[in-house]
All heavy atoms as atom14 arrays in JSON, in Angstrom:
{
  "sequence": "ELVATINSSGGTYYTTSVKGRFTISRDNAKNTVHLQM",
  "atom14_mask": [
    [1, 1, 1, 1, 1, 1, 1, 1, 1, 0, 0, 0, 0, 0],
    [1, 1, 1, 1, 1, 1, 1, 1, 0, 0, 0, 0, 0, 0],
    [1, 1, 1, 1, 1, 1, 1, 0, 0, 0, 0, 0, 0, 0],
    [1, 1, 1, 1, 1, 0, 0, 0, 0, 0, 0, 0, 0, 0],
    [1, 1, 1, 1, 1, 1, 1, 0, 0, 0, 0, 0, 0, 0],
    [1, 1, 1, 1, 1, 1, 1, 1, 0, 0, 0, 0, 0, 0],
    [1, 1, 1, 1, 1, 1, 1, 1, 0, 0, 0, 0, 0, 0],
    [1, 1, 1, 1, 1, 1, 0, 0, 0, 0, 0, 0, 0, 0],
    [1, 1, 1, 1, 1, 1, 0, 0, 0, 0, 0, 0, 0, 0],
    [1, 1, 1, 1, 0, 0, 0, 0, 0, 0, 0, 0, 0, 0],
    [1, 1, 1, 1, 0, 0, 0, 0, 0, 0, 0, 0, 0, 0],
    [1, 1, 1, 1, 1, 1, 1, 0, 0, 0, 0, 0, 0, 0],
    [1, 1, 1, 1, 1, 1, 1, 1, 1, 1, 1, 1, 0, 0],
    [1, 1, 1, 1, 1, 1, 1, 1, 1, 1, 1, 1, 0, 0],
    [1, 1, 1, 1, 1, 1, 1, 0, 0, 0, 0, 0, 0, 0],
    [1, 1, 1, 1, 1, 1, 1, 0, 0, 0, 0, 0, 0, 0],
    [1, 1, 1, 1, 1, 1, 0, 0, 0, 0, 0, 0, 0, 0],
    [1, 1, 1, 1, 1, 1, 1, 0, 0, 0, 0, 0, 0, 0],
    [1, 1, 1, 1, 1, 1, 1, 1, 1, 0, 0, 0, 0, 0],
    [1, 1, 1, 1, 0, 0, 0, 0, 0, 0, 0, 0, 0, 0],
    [1, 1, 1, 1, 1, 1, 1, 1, 1, 1, 1, 0, 0, 0],
    [1, 1, 1, 1, 1, 1, 1, 1, 1, 1, 1, 0, 0, 0],
    [1, 1, 1, 1, 1, 1, 1, 0, 0, 0, 0, 0, 0, 0],
    [1, 1, 1, 1, 1, 1, 1, 1, 0, 0, 0, 0, 0, 0],
    [1, 1, 1, 1, 1, 1, 0, 0, 0, 0, 0, 0, 0, 0],
    [1, 1, 1, 1, 1, 1, 1, 1, 1, 1, 1, 0, 0, 0],
    [1, 1, 1, 1, 1, 1, 1, 1, 0, 0, 0, 0, 0, 0],
    [1, 1, 1, 1, 1, 1, 1, 1, 0, 0, 0, 0, 0, 0],
    [1, 1, 1, 1, 1, 0, 0, 0, 0, 0, 0, 0, 0, 0],
    [1, 1, 1, 1, 1, 1, 1, 1, 1, 0, 0, 0, 0, 0],
    [1, 1, 1, 1, 1, 1, 1, 1, 0, 0, 0, 0, 0, 0],
    [1, 1, 1, 1, 1, 1, 1, 0, 0, 0, 0, 0, 0, 0],
    [1, 1, 1, 1, 1, 1, 1, 0, 0, 0, 0, 0, 0, 0],
    [1, 1, 1, 1, 1, 1, 1, 1, 1, 1, 0, 0, 0, 0],
    [1, 1, 1, 1, 1, 1, 1, 1, 0, 0, 0, 0, 0, 0],
    [1, 1, 1, 1, 1, 1, 1, 1, 1, 0, 0, 0, 0, 0],
    [1, 1, 1, 1, 1, 1, 1, 1, 0, 0, 0, 0, 0, 0]
  ],
  "atom14_positions": [
    [[7.48, 10.0, -9.74], [6.94, 10.77, -8.62], [6.74, 9.88, -7.4], [6.45, 8.68, -7.52], [5.61, 11.44, -8.99], [4.47, 10.49, -9.25], [3.12, 11.17, -9.31], [2.98, 12.32, -8.83], [2.18, 10.54, -9.83], [0.0, 0.0, 0.0], [0.0, 0.0, 0.0], [0.0, 0.0, 0.0], [0.0, 0.0, 0.0], [0.0, 0.0, 0.0]],
    [[6.86, 10.49, -6.24], [6.63, 9.79, -4.98], [5.13, 9.6, -4.78], [4.36, 10.56, -4.91], [7.23, 10.59, -3.83], [7.0, 10.05, -2.43], [7.65, 8.69, -2.26], [7.54, 11.04, -1.39], [0.0, 0.0, 0.0], [0.0, 0.0, 0.0], [0.0, 0.0, 0.0], [0.0, 0.0, 0.0], [0.0, 0.0, 0.0], [0.0, 0.0, 0.0]],
    [[4.73, 8.39, -4.44], [3.32, 8.1, -4.21], [3.02, 8.02, -2.72], [2.09, 8.65, -2.23], [2.92, 6.77, -4.88], [1.47, 6.42, -4.55], [3.12, 6.85, -6.39], [0.0, 0.0, 0.0], [0.0, 0.0, 0.0], [0.0, 0.0, 0.0], [0.0, 0.0, 0.0], [0.0, 0.0, 0.0], [0.0, 0.0, 0.0], [0.0, 0.0, 0.0]],
    [[3.81, 7.24, -1.99], [3.54, 7.04, -0.56], [4.8, 6.55, 0.13], [5.64, 5.91, -0.49], [2.41, 6.04, -0.35], [0.0, 0.0, 0.0], [0.0, 0.0, 0.0], [0.0, 0.0, 0.0], [0.0, 0.0, 0.0], [0.0, 0.0, 0.0], [0.0, 0.0, 0.0], [0.0, 0.0, 0.0], [0.0, 0.0, 0.0], [0.0, 0.0, 0.0]],
    [[4.89, 6.87, 1.42], [6.0, 6.38, 2.24], [5.49, 5.89, 3.58], [4.42, 6.31, 4.05], [7.07, 7.47, 2.51], [6.5, 8.48, 3.36], [7.57, 8.1, 1.24], [0.0, 0.0, 0.0], [0.0, 0.0, 0.0], [0.0, 0.0, 0.0], [0.0, 0.0, 0.0], [0.0, 0.0, 0.0], [0.0, 0.0, 0.0], [0.0, 0.0, 0.0]],
    [[6.28, 5.02, 4.2], [5.99, 4.57, 5.56], [7.32, 4.43, 6.28], [8.25, 3.82, 5.77], [5.17, 3.26, 5.57], [4.79, 2.88, 7.01], [5.89, 2.14, 4.85], [3.71, 1.81, 7.08], [0.0, 0.0, 0.0], [0.0, 0.0, 0.0], [0.0, 0.0, 0.0], [0.0, 0.0, 0.0], [0.0, 0.0, 0.0], [0.0, 0.0, 0.0]],
    [[7.41, 5.03, 7.48], [8.67, 4.99, 8.19], [8.69, 3.85, 9.21], [7.73, 3.08, 9.33], [8.97, 6.34, 8.85], [7.94, 6.73, 9.9], [7.3, 5.87, 10.5], [7.78, 8.02, 10.11], [0.0, 0.0, 0.0], [0.0, 0.0, 0.0], [0.0, 0.0, 0.0], [0.0, 0.0, 0.0], [0.0, 0.0, 0.0], [0.0, 0.0, 0.0]],
    [[9.78, 3.78, 9.96], [9.96, 2.66, 10.88], [8.96, 2.67, 12.03], [8.73, 1.64, 12.67], [11.39, 2.66, 11.44], [11.67, 3.9, 12.07], [0.0, 0.0, 0.0], [0.0, 0.0, 0.0], [0.0, 0.0, 0.0], [0.0, 0.0, 0.0], [0.0, 0.0, 0.0], [0.0, 0.0, 0.0], [0.0, 0.0, 0.0], [0.0, 0.0, 0.0]],
    [[8.37, 3.83, 12.28], [7.37, 3.93, 13.35], [5.95, 3.75, 12.84], [5.01, 3.81, 13.62], [7.48, 5.31, 14.03], [8.76, 5.48, 14.58], [0.0, 0.0, 0.0], [0.0, 0.0, 0.0], [0.0, 0.0, 0.0], [0.0, 0.0, 0.0], [0.0, 0.0, 0.0], [0.0, 0.0, 0.0], [0.0, 0.0, 0.0], [0.0, 0.0, 0.0]],
    [[5.81, 3.55, 11.54], [4.49, 3.38, 10.96], [3.86, 4.66, 10.45], [2.73, 4.64, 9.96], [0.0, 0.0, 0.0], [0.0, 0.0, 0.0], [0.0, 0.0, 0.0], [0.0, 0.0, 0.0], [0.0, 0.0, 0.0], [0.0, 0.0, 0.0], [0.0, 0.0, 0.0], [0.0, 0.0, 0.0], [0.0, 0.0, 0.0], [0.0, 0.0, 0.0]],
    [[4.59, 5.75, 10.56], [4.07, 7.0, 10.04], [4.02, 6.99, 8.52], [4.92, 6.46, 7.88], [0.0, 0.0, 0.0], [0.0, 0.0, 0.0], [0.0, 0.0, 0.0], [0.0, 0.0, 0.0], [0.0, 0.0, 0.0], [0.0, 0.0, 0.0], [0.0, 0.0, 0.0], [0.0, 0.0, 0.0], [0.0, 0.0, 0.0], [0.0, 0.0, 0.0]],
    [[2.97, 7.54, 7.96], [2.77, 7.47, 6.51], [2.65, 8.85, 5.89], [2.31, 9.84, 6.55], [1.51, 6.66, 6.17], [0.37, 7.27, 6.8], [1.63, 5.22, 6.63], [0.0, 0.0, 0.0], [0.0, 0.0, 0.0], [0.0, 0.0, 0.0], [0.0, 0.0, 0.0], [0.0, 0.0, 0.0], [0.0, 0.0, 0.0], [0.0, 0.0, 0.0]],
    [[2.95, 8.87, 4.6], [2.76, 10.07, 3.78], [2.16, 9.62, 2.45], [2.53, 8.57, 1.93], [4.1, 10.77, 3.53], [4.06, 11.72, 2.35], [3.61, 13.03, 2.51], [4.41, 11.3, 1.07], [3.53, 13.89, 1.43], [4.33, 12.15, -0.01], [3.89, 13.44, 0.17], [3.82, 14.29, -0.91], [0.0, 0.0, 0.0], [0.0, 0.0, 0.0]],
    [[1.26, 10.43, 1.92], [0.67, 10.16, 0.61], [0.68, 11.43, -0.22], [0.39, 12.52, 0.3], [-0.78, 9.69, 0.75], [-0.94, 8.4, 1.51], [-1.19, 8.4, 2.88], [-0.83, 7.17, 0.86], [-1.33, 7.23, 3.59], [-0.97, 5.98, 1.56], [-1.21, 6.01, 2.92], [-1.34, 4.84, 3.62], [0.0, 0.0, 0.0], [0.0, 0.0, 0.0]],
    [[0.95, 11.29, -1.49], [0.8, 12.42, -2.37], [-0.67, 12.74, -2.49], [-1.54, 11.86, -2.35], [1.44, 12.13, -3.74], [1.56, 13.35, -4.47], [0.6, 11.14, -4.55], [0.0, 0.0, 0.0], [0.0, 0.0, 0.0], [0.0, 0.0, 0.0], [0.0, 0.0, 0.0], [0.0, 0.0, 0.0], [0.0, 0.0, 0.0], [0.0, 0.0, 0.0]],
    [[-0.99, 13.99, -2.73], [-2.37, 14.45, -2.67], [-3.32, 13.64, -3.56], [-4.44, 13.32, -3.15], [-2.44, 15.93, -3.06], [-1.64, 16.68, -2.13], [-3.87, 16.45, -3.02], [0.0, 0.0, 0.0], [0.0, 0.0, 0.0], [0.0, 0.0, 0.0], [0.0, 0.0, 0.0], [0.0, 0.0, 0.0], [0.0, 0.0, 0.0], [0.0, 0.0, 0.0]],
    [[-2.87, 13.3, -4.74], [-3.76, 12.66, -5.71], [-4.21, 11.26, -5.31], [-5.18, 10.75, -5.88], [-3.09, 12.61, -7.08], [-1.91, 11.83, -7.04], [0.0, 0.0, 0.0], [0.0, 0.0, 0.0], [0.0, 0.0, 0.0], [0.0, 0.0, 0.0], [0.0, 0.0, 0.0], [0.0, 0.0, 0.0], [0.0, 0.0, 0.0], [0.0, 0.0, 0.0]],
    [[-3.54, 10.63, -4.34], [-3.93, 9.27, -3.95], [-4.49, 9.19, -2.54], [-4.92, 8.12, -2.1], [-2.74, 8.29, -4.09], [-2.11, 8.38, -5.47], [-1.71, 8.48, -3.0], [0.0, 0.0, 0.0], [0.0, 0.0, 0.0], [0.0, 0.0, 0.0], [0.0, 0.0, 0.0], [0.0, 0.0, 0.0], [0.0, 0.0, 0.0], [0.0, 0.0, 0.0]],
    [[-4.51, 10.31, -1.83], [-5.04, 10.3, -0.46], [-6.48, 9.8, -0.43], [-7.3, 10.21, -1.23], [-4.96, 11.7, 0.14], [-3.58, 12.11, 0.58], [-3.6, 13.5, 1.22], [-2.21, 13.92, 1.66], [-2.18, 15.28, 2.21], [0.0, 0.0, 0.0], [0.0, 0.0, 0.0], [0.0, 0.0, 0.0], [0.0, 0.0, 0.0], [0.0, 0.0, 0.0]],
    [[-6.75, 8.91, 0.5], [-8.09, 8.35, 0.63], [-8.36, 7.18, -0.29], [-9.38, 6.5, -0.15], [0.0, 0.0, 0.0], [0.0, 0.0, 0.0], [0.0, 0.0, 0.0], [0.0, 0.0, 0.0], [0.0, 0.0, 0.0], [0.0, 0.0, 0.0], [0.0, 0.0, 0.0], [0.0, 0.0, 0.0], [0.0, 0.0, 0.0], [0.0, 0.0, 0.0]],
    [[-7.45, 6.92, -1.24], [-7.64, 5.8, -2.16], [-6.57, 4.73, -1.99], [-6.85, 3.54, -2.17], [-7.61, 6.3, -3.61], [-8.68, 7.34, -3.93], [-8.73, 7.64, -5.43], [-7.47, 8.22, -5.92], [-6.73, 7.68, -6.89], [-7.12, 6.55, -7.47], [-5.62, 8.27, -7.3], [0.0, 0.0, 0.0], [0.0, 0.0, 0.0], [0.0, 0.0, 0.0]],
    [[-5.36, 5.14, -1.66], [-4.24, 4.2, -1.53], [-3.86, 4.06, -0.05], [-3.96, 5.02, 0.72], [-3.0, 4.69, -2.29], [-3.13, 4.68, -3.79], [-4.32, 4.42, -4.44], [-2.0, 4.91, -4.57], [-4.42, 4.41, -5.81], [-2.07, 4.9, -5.95], [-3.29, 4.65, -6.57], [0.0, 0.0, 0.0], [0.0, 0.0, 0.0], [0.0, 0.0, 0.0]],
    [[-3.39, 2.87, 0.31], [-2.9, 2.62, 1.66], [-1.59, 1.86, 1.59], [-1.51, 0.8, 0.97], [-3.91, 1.8, 2.47], [-5.17, 2.5, 2.51], [-3.41, 1.6, 3.9], [0.0, 0.0, 0.0], [0.0, 0.0, 0.0], [0.0, 0.0, 0.0], [0.0, 0.0, 0.0], [0.0, 0.0, 0.0], [0.0, 0.0, 0.0], [0.0, 0.0, 0.0]],
    [[-0.57, 2.42, 2.23], [0.72, 1.76, 2.29], [0.86, 1.04, 3.63], [0.4, 1.55, 4.66], [1.88, 2.77, 2.09], [3.22, 2.04, 1.93], [1.93, 3.8, 3.2], [4.36, 2.97, 1.48], [0.0, 0.0, 0.0], [0.0, 0.0, 0.0], [0.0, 0.0, 0.0], [0.0, 0.0, 0.0], [0.0, 0.0, 0.0], [0.0, 0.0, 0.0]],
    [[1.46, -0.13, 3.61], [1.68, -0.88, 4.85], [2.98, -1.66, 4.72], [3.49, -1.86, 3.62], [0.51, -1.83, 5.12], [0.37, -2.77, 4.07], [0.0, 0.0, 0.0], [0.0, 0.0, 0.0], [0.0, 0.0, 0.0], [0.0, 0.0, 0.0], [0.0, 0.0, 0.0], [0.0, 0.0, 0.0], [0.0, 0.0, 0.0], [0.0, 0.0, 0.0]],
    [[3.5, -2.09, 5.86], [4.77, -2.81, 5.83], [4.76, -3.95, 6.84], [4.06, -3.89, 7.85], [5.95, -1.88, 6.1], [5.93, -1.23, 7.47], [6.99, -0.14, 7.58], [8.32, -0.67, 7.8], [9.41, 0.08, 7.87], [9.33, 1.39, 7.68], [10.59, -0.47, 8.09], [0.0, 0.0, 0.0], [0.0, 0.0, 0.0], [0.0, 0.0, 0.0]],
    [[5.55, -4.96, 6.54], [5.76, -6.07, 7.46], [7.25, -6.08, 7.76], [8.05, -6.53, 6.94], [5.31, -7.39, 6.82], [5.43, -8.57, 7.77], [6.33, -8.55, 8.65], [4.66, -9.51, 7.63], [0.0, 0.0, 0.0], [0.0, 0.0, 0.0], [0.0, 0.0, 0.0], [0.0, 0.0, 0.0], [0.0, 0.0, 0.0], [0.0, 0.0, 0.0]],
    [[7.62, -5.56, 8.91], [9.03, -5.43, 9.24], [9.74, -6.78, 9.32], [10.9, -6.92, 8.92], [9.2, -4.68, 10.56], [8.79, -3.23, 10.45], [8.94, -2.62, 9.39], [8.25, -2.68, 11.52], [0.0, 0.0, 0.0], [0.0, 0.0, 0.0], [0.0, 0.0, 0.0], [0.0, 0.0, 0.0], [0.0, 0.0, 0.0], [0.0, 0.0, 0.0]],
    [[9.05, -7.76, 9.83], [9.68, -9.08, 9.99], [10.01, -9.72, 8.65], [10.97, -10.48, 8.53], [8.77, -9.99, 10.8], [0.0, 0.0, 0.0], [0.0, 0.0, 0.0], [0.0, 0.0, 0.0], [0.0, 0.0, 0.0], [0.0, 0.0, 0.0], [0.0, 0.0, 0.0], [0.0, 0.0, 0.0], [0.0, 0.0, 0.0], [0.0, 0.0, 0.0]],
    [[9.21, -9.4, 7.64], [9.4, -10.01, 6.32], [10.04, -9.05, 5.32], [10.22, -9.41, 4.16], [8.06, -10.49, 5.78], [7.41, -11.59, 6.6], [6.1, -12.05, 5.97], [5.47, -13.17, 6.78], [4.18, -13.62, 6.17], [0.0, 0.0, 0.0], [0.0, 0.0, 0.0], [0.0, 0.0, 0.0], [0.0, 0.0, 0.0], [0.0, 0.0, 0.0]],
    [[10.38, -7.85, 5.77], [10.98, -6.86, 4.87], [10.13, -6.67, 3.62], [10.63, -6.67, 2.49], [12.4, -7.3, 4.46], [13.43, -6.97, 5.52], [14.61, -7.22, 5.35], [12.99, -6.42, 6.63], [0.0, 0.0, 0.0], [0.0, 0.0, 0.0], [0.0, 0.0, 0.0], [0.0, 0.0, 0.0], [0.0, 0.0, 0.0], [0.0, 0.0, 0.0]],
    [[8.84, -6.53, 3.81], [7.95, -6.32, 2.69], [7.15, -5.03, 2.88], [6.92, -4.6, 4.02], [6.96, -7.49, 2.51], [6.19, -7.63, 3.71], [7.69, -8.78, 2.22], [0.0, 0.0, 0.0], [0.0, 0.0, 0.0], [0.0, 0.0, 0.0], [0.0, 0.0, 0.0], [0.0, 0.0, 0.0], [0.0, 0.0, 0.0], [0.0, 0.0, 0.0]],
    [[6.75, -4.47, 1.78], [5.9, -3.29, 1.8], [4.8, -3.5, 0.76], [5.03, -4.11, -0.29], [6.7, -2.0, 1.52], [7.36, -2.03, 0.14], [5.83, -0.77, 1.68], [0.0, 0.0, 0.0], [0.0, 0.0, 0.0], [0.0, 0.0, 0.0], [0.0, 0.0, 0.0], [0.0, 0.0, 0.0], [0.0, 0.0, 0.0], [0.0, 0.0, 0.0]],
    [[3.59, -3.03, 1.09], [2.45, -3.22, 0.23], [1.82, -1.87, -0.1], [1.96, -0.89, 0.65], [1.4, -4.1, 0.91], [1.93, -5.41, 1.4], [2.17, -6.48, 0.57], [2.3, -5.8, 2.64], [2.64, -7.48, 1.27], [2.73, -7.1, 2.53], [0.0, 0.0, 0.0], [0.0, 0.0, 0.0], [0.0, 0.0, 0.0], [0.0, 0.0, 0.0]],
    [[1.11, -1.84, -1.22], [0.34, -0.65, -1.58], [-1.03, -1.13, -2.04], [-1.15, -1.72, -3.12], [1.04, 0.15, -2.68], [0.38, 1.47, -3.03], [0.52, 2.45, -1.85], [0.98, 2.09, -4.28], [0.0, 0.0, 0.0], [0.0, 0.0, 0.0], [0.0, 0.0, 0.0], [0.0, 0.0, 0.0], [0.0, 0.0, 0.0], [0.0, 0.0, 0.0]],
    [[-2.02, -0.89, -1.22], [-3.4, -1.2, -1.58], [-3.97, -0.01, -2.33], [-3.99, 1.1, -1.8], [-4.24, -1.49, -0.34], [-5.71, -1.76, -0.62], [-5.92, -3.05, -1.39], [-5.3, -4.06, -1.11], [-6.8, -3.0, -2.39], [0.0, 0.0, 0.0], [0.0, 0.0, 0.0], [0.0, 0.0, 0.0], [0.0, 0.0, 0.0], [0.0, 0.0, 0.0]],
    [[-4.41, -0.25, -3.56], [-4.89, 0.83, -4.42], [-6.35, 0.58, -4.74], [-6.69, -0.43, -5.38], [-4.06, 0.9, -5.7], [-2.57, 1.04, -5.45], [-1.61, 1.29, -6.97], [-1.91, -0.27, -7.79], [0.0, 0.0, 0.0], [0.0, 0.0, 0.0], [0.0, 0.0, 0.0], [0.0, 0.0, 0.0], [0.0, 0.0, 0.0], [0.0, 0.0, 0.0]]
  ]
}
């Protein structure tokens, strides 16, 4: 199942069950993505 997404503009989406608990972030320069749970 999809948990979270982040697009090139920084827009985010979260599945309902993790909203308010998880945070997705990205570092474009390093091609990395994080999920704080």
